[in-house]
């Protein structure tokens, strides 16, 4: 993935703030990063910030974890309301 595509993907998330080469996620959303390399998939949940560097990104999570990934391995982001803000359809039949 190219830097422009990565920036466009992150910018399209609701409530993401850009500060130079770092994007900070809003508190109302839980963000998951999806990446893969050589048929191995990886999901990083609870993403709070993504910093874009030359050929890699640094991902920070709400649990204090830090991941460094090759830009080429990132292929998507998931976003859902945080636990207290989940509204809409409920499981089961209504």
N, C-alpha and C. Protein backbone atom coordinates (compact mmCIF):
# COMPACT_ATOMS: atom_id res chain seq x y z
N UNK A 1 0.85 -1.17 0.00
CA UNK A 1 0.00 0.00 0.00
C UNK A 1 0.89 1.24 0.00
N UNK A 2 0.47 2.22 -0.72
CA UNK A 2 1.22 3.47 -0.78
C UNK A 2 0.80 4.39 0.36
N UNK A 3 1.67 5.32 0.71
CA UNK A 3 1.38 6.25 1.80
C UNK A 3 0.11 7.04 1.54
N UNK A 4 -0.13 7.44 0.29
CA UNK A 4 -1.33 8.23 -0.02
C UNK A 4 -2.59 7.41 0.25
N UNK A 5 -2.56 6.13 -0.12
CA UNK A 5 -3.72 5.26 0.11
C UNK A 5 -3.94 5.04 1.60
N UNK A 6 -2.86 4.83 2.33
CA UNK A 6 -2.96 4.64 3.78
C UNK A 6 -3.52 5.88 4.45
N UNK A 7 -3.02 7.05 4.07
CA UNK A 7 -3.54 8.31 4.63
C UNK A 7 -5.03 8.48 4.31
N UNK A 8 -5.42 8.15 3.10
CA UNK A 8 -6.83 8.28 2.70
C UNK A 8 -7.71 7.33 3.51
N UNK A 9 -7.23 6.11 3.74
CA UNK A 9 -8.00 5.15 4.53
C UNK A 9 -8.20 5.65 5.96
N UNK A 10 -7.12 6.08 6.59
CA UNK A 10 -7.21 6.54 7.98
C UNK A 10 -8.06 7.80 8.07
N UNK A 11 -7.91 8.71 7.12
CA UNK A 11 -8.69 9.96 7.12
C UNK A 11 -10.18 9.70 6.97
N UNK A 12 -10.55 8.59 6.33
CA UNK A 12 -11.97 8.31 6.13
C UNK A 12 -12.63 7.71 7.37
N UNK A 13 -11.84 7.37 8.39
CA UNK A 13 -12.42 6.91 9.65
C UNK A 13 -13.07 8.10 10.36
N UNK A 14 -14.19 7.86 11.01
CA UNK A 14 -14.85 8.92 11.78
C UNK A 14 -13.98 9.31 12.96
N UNK A 15 -13.86 10.58 13.19
CA UNK A 15 -13.22 11.13 14.38
C UNK A 15 -11.71 10.89 14.44
N UNK A 16 -11.04 10.70 13.30
CA UNK A 16 -9.57 10.56 13.28
C UNK A 16 -8.95 11.94 13.05
N UNK A 17 -8.02 12.32 13.91
CA UNK A 17 -7.34 13.62 13.80
C UNK A 17 -5.93 13.42 13.28
N UNK A 18 -5.55 14.25 12.34
CA UNK A 18 -4.21 14.17 11.75
C UNK A 18 -3.33 15.26 12.34
N UNK A 19 -2.15 14.85 12.80
CA UNK A 19 -1.14 15.78 13.30
C UNK A 19 0.18 15.42 12.63
N UNK A 20 0.45 16.02 11.49
CA UNK A 20 1.66 15.68 10.73
C UNK A 20 1.56 14.27 10.17
N UNK A 21 2.47 13.40 10.57
CA UNK A 21 2.45 12.02 10.10
C UNK A 21 1.80 11.06 11.10
N UNK A 22 1.13 11.61 12.11
CA UNK A 22 0.47 10.79 13.12
C UNK A 22 -1.03 11.05 13.10
N UNK A 23 -1.80 9.96 13.18
CA UNK A 23 -3.25 10.04 13.25
C UNK A 23 -3.69 9.53 14.61
N UNK A 24 -4.58 10.28 15.28
CA UNK A 24 -5.12 9.89 16.58
C UNK A 24 -6.59 9.54 16.39
N UNK A 25 -7.01 8.42 16.96
CA UNK A 25 -8.38 7.96 16.83
C UNK A 25 -9.23 8.58 17.94
N UNK A 26 -10.49 8.84 17.64
CA UNK A 26 -11.41 9.41 18.62
C UNK A 26 -11.83 8.40 19.67
N UNK A 27 -12.35 8.89 20.78
CA UNK A 27 -12.76 8.02 21.88
C UNK A 27 -14.08 7.30 21.63
N UNK A 28 -14.88 7.77 20.71
CA UNK A 28 -16.20 7.18 20.47
C UNK A 28 -16.13 5.90 19.64
N UNK A 29 -14.96 5.61 19.08
CA UNK A 29 -14.83 4.47 18.19
C UNK A 29 -13.72 3.54 18.63
N UNK A 30 -13.93 2.24 18.41
CA UNK A 30 -12.93 1.22 18.61
C UNK A 30 -12.39 0.87 17.22
N UNK A 31 -11.10 1.06 16.99
CA UNK A 31 -10.52 0.85 15.67
C UNK A 31 -9.65 -0.41 15.68
N UNK A 32 -9.82 -1.23 14.64
CA UNK A 32 -9.01 -2.43 14.45
C UNK A 32 -8.26 -2.31 13.14
N UNK A 33 -6.95 -2.57 13.17
CA UNK A 33 -6.13 -2.55 11.97
C UNK A 33 -5.98 -3.99 11.47
N UNK A 34 -6.10 -4.20 10.17
CA UNK A 34 -5.96 -5.52 9.55
C UNK A 34 -4.73 -5.51 8.65
N UNK A 35 -3.85 -6.49 8.85
CA UNK A 35 -2.63 -6.59 8.06
C UNK A 35 -2.37 -8.06 7.73
N UNK A 36 -1.53 -8.29 6.73
CA UNK A 36 -1.17 -9.66 6.35
C UNK A 36 0.22 -9.66 5.73
N UNK A 37 0.90 -10.80 5.88
CA UNK A 37 2.21 -10.99 5.27
C UNK A 37 2.40 -12.49 5.04
N UNK A 38 2.69 -12.84 3.81
CA UNK A 38 2.93 -14.24 3.45
C UNK A 38 1.84 -15.17 3.99
N UNK A 39 0.63 -14.84 3.70
CA UNK A 39 -0.56 -15.62 4.05
C UNK A 39 -0.87 -15.62 5.54
N UNK A 40 -0.14 -14.87 6.33
CA UNK A 40 -0.45 -14.78 7.76
C UNK A 40 -1.16 -13.48 8.04
N UNK A 41 -2.33 -13.57 8.65
CA UNK A 41 -3.11 -12.38 8.96
C UNK A 41 -2.88 -11.91 10.38
N UNK A 42 -3.10 -10.62 10.60
CA UNK A 42 -2.92 -10.03 11.92
C UNK A 42 -3.98 -8.96 12.13
N UNK A 43 -4.57 -8.96 13.30
CA UNK A 43 -5.51 -7.91 13.68
C UNK A 43 -4.97 -7.23 14.92
N UNK A 44 -4.94 -5.91 14.89
CA UNK A 44 -4.53 -5.13 16.06
C UNK A 44 -5.76 -4.35 16.50
N UNK A 45 -6.25 -4.68 17.67
CA UNK A 45 -7.47 -4.04 18.18
C UNK A 45 -7.14 -2.88 19.10
N UNK A 46 -8.13 -2.05 19.35
CA UNK A 46 -8.04 -0.91 20.26
C UNK A 46 -6.94 0.08 19.85
N UNK A 47 -6.85 0.35 18.55
CA UNK A 47 -5.84 1.28 18.03
C UNK A 47 -6.18 2.70 18.47
N UNK A 48 -5.18 3.39 19.04
CA UNK A 48 -5.39 4.78 19.45
C UNK A 48 -4.64 5.76 18.55
N UNK A 49 -3.51 5.31 17.95
CA UNK A 49 -2.79 6.19 17.03
C UNK A 49 -1.99 5.37 16.02
N UNK A 50 -1.78 5.98 14.86
CA UNK A 50 -0.97 5.39 13.79
C UNK A 50 -0.02 6.48 13.30
N UNK A 51 1.29 6.17 13.34
CA UNK A 51 2.31 7.10 12.84
C UNK A 51 2.94 6.51 11.59
N UNK A 52 2.97 7.30 10.53
CA UNK A 52 3.52 6.84 9.26
C UNK A 52 4.97 7.28 9.16
N UNK A 53 5.86 6.32 8.96
CA UNK A 53 7.28 6.59 8.76
C UNK A 53 7.64 6.14 7.34
N UNK A 54 8.89 6.08 6.99
CA UNK A 54 9.30 5.77 5.62
C UNK A 54 8.58 4.56 5.04
N UNK A 55 8.98 3.39 5.40
CA UNK A 55 8.38 2.17 4.85
C UNK A 55 7.62 1.37 5.90
N UNK A 56 7.37 1.98 7.05
CA UNK A 56 6.64 1.28 8.10
C UNK A 56 5.73 2.24 8.85
N UNK A 57 4.85 1.66 9.65
CA UNK A 57 3.98 2.45 10.51
C UNK A 57 4.16 1.97 11.95
N UNK A 58 3.92 2.85 12.89
CA UNK A 58 3.94 2.51 14.30
C UNK A 58 2.52 2.66 14.81
N UNK A 59 2.00 1.59 15.40
CA UNK A 59 0.63 1.55 15.87
C UNK A 59 0.63 1.45 17.40
N UNK A 60 -0.10 2.34 18.05
CA UNK A 60 -0.24 2.31 19.51
C UNK A 60 -1.67 1.91 19.85
N UNK A 61 -1.83 1.15 20.94
CA UNK A 61 -3.15 0.71 21.36
C UNK A 61 -3.50 1.28 22.73
N UNK A 62 -4.77 1.18 23.09
CA UNK A 62 -5.23 1.69 24.39
C UNK A 62 -4.66 0.88 25.54
N UNK A 63 -4.15 -0.30 25.28
CA UNK A 63 -3.56 -1.14 26.32
C UNK A 63 -2.07 -0.88 26.48
N UNK A 64 -1.54 0.10 25.73
CA UNK A 64 -0.13 0.45 25.84
C UNK A 64 0.79 -0.36 24.94
N UNK A 65 0.23 -1.21 24.10
CA UNK A 65 1.06 -2.00 23.18
C UNK A 65 1.51 -1.13 22.02
N UNK A 66 2.66 -1.48 21.47
CA UNK A 66 3.23 -0.74 20.34
C UNK A 66 3.63 -1.77 19.28
N UNK A 67 3.15 -1.57 18.05
CA UNK A 67 3.45 -2.47 16.94
C UNK A 67 4.09 -1.68 15.82
N UNK A 68 5.08 -2.27 15.17
CA UNK A 68 5.71 -1.67 14.00
C UNK A 68 5.44 -2.60 12.83
N UNK A 69 4.81 -2.07 11.77
CA UNK A 69 4.40 -2.87 10.62
C UNK A 69 4.94 -2.29 9.33
N UNK A 70 5.17 -3.16 8.37
CA UNK A 70 5.52 -2.74 7.02
C UNK A 70 4.28 -2.13 6.38
N UNK A 71 4.41 -1.00 5.75
CA UNK A 71 3.28 -0.31 5.12
C UNK A 71 2.58 -1.23 4.11
N UNK A 72 3.34 -2.03 3.41
CA UNK A 72 2.78 -2.91 2.38
C UNK A 72 1.83 -3.97 2.94
N UNK A 73 1.96 -4.30 4.23
CA UNK A 73 1.12 -5.35 4.81
C UNK A 73 -0.25 -4.89 5.26
N UNK A 74 -0.46 -3.60 5.39
CA UNK A 74 -1.74 -3.08 5.87
C UNK A 74 -2.76 -3.10 4.73
N UNK A 75 -3.95 -3.67 5.01
CA UNK A 75 -4.96 -3.68 3.95
C UNK A 75 -6.32 -3.19 4.39
N UNK A 76 -6.50 -2.85 5.66
CA UNK A 76 -7.80 -2.34 6.04
C UNK A 76 -7.90 -1.93 7.50
N UNK A 77 -8.96 -1.18 7.81
CA UNK A 77 -9.27 -0.77 9.17
C UNK A 77 -10.73 -1.07 9.42
N UNK A 78 -11.04 -1.48 10.64
CA UNK A 78 -12.42 -1.66 11.06
C UNK A 78 -12.73 -0.66 12.14
N UNK A 79 -13.97 -0.21 12.19
CA UNK A 79 -14.35 0.79 13.19
C UNK A 79 -15.74 0.47 13.69
N UNK A 80 -15.88 0.43 15.01
CA UNK A 80 -17.20 0.21 15.60
C UNK A 80 -17.31 1.07 16.85
N UNK A 81 -18.54 1.39 17.26
CA UNK A 81 -18.71 2.24 18.44
C UNK A 81 -18.09 1.58 19.67
N UNK A 82 -17.59 2.39 20.58
CA UNK A 82 -17.06 1.83 21.83
C UNK A 82 -18.18 1.15 22.59
N UNK A 83 -17.82 0.37 23.55
CA UNK A 83 -18.78 -0.48 24.26
C UNK A 83 -20.01 0.27 24.77
N UNK A 84 -19.84 1.44 25.34
CA UNK A 84 -20.97 2.18 25.88
C UNK A 84 -21.85 2.84 24.84
N UNK A 85 -21.37 2.95 23.60
CA UNK A 85 -22.11 3.65 22.56
C UNK A 85 -22.77 2.73 21.55
N UNK A 86 -22.82 1.45 21.79
CA UNK A 86 -23.38 0.52 20.81
C UNK A 86 -24.89 0.60 20.80
N UNK A 87 -25.41 1.06 19.69
CA UNK A 87 -26.85 1.14 19.51
C UNK A 87 -27.19 0.46 18.20
N UNK A 88 -28.44 0.31 17.93
CA UNK A 88 -28.83 -0.31 16.67
C UNK A 88 -29.36 -1.70 16.89
N UNK A 89 -29.10 -2.60 15.94
CA UNK A 89 -29.64 -3.96 16.00
C UNK A 89 -29.12 -4.74 17.19
N UNK A 90 -29.98 -5.49 17.77
CA UNK A 90 -29.62 -6.39 18.86
C UNK A 90 -29.73 -7.83 18.34
N UNK A 91 -29.03 -8.70 19.00
CA UNK A 91 -29.07 -10.12 18.61
C UNK A 91 -30.47 -10.67 18.85
N UNK A 92 -30.86 -11.64 18.02
CA UNK A 92 -32.15 -12.29 18.20
C UNK A 92 -33.19 -11.75 17.23
N UNK A 93 -34.41 -12.21 17.44
CA UNK A 93 -35.52 -11.80 16.58
C UNK A 93 -36.39 -10.80 17.31
N UNK A 94 -36.86 -9.80 16.55
CA UNK A 94 -37.73 -8.80 17.18
C UNK A 94 -39.00 -8.65 16.40
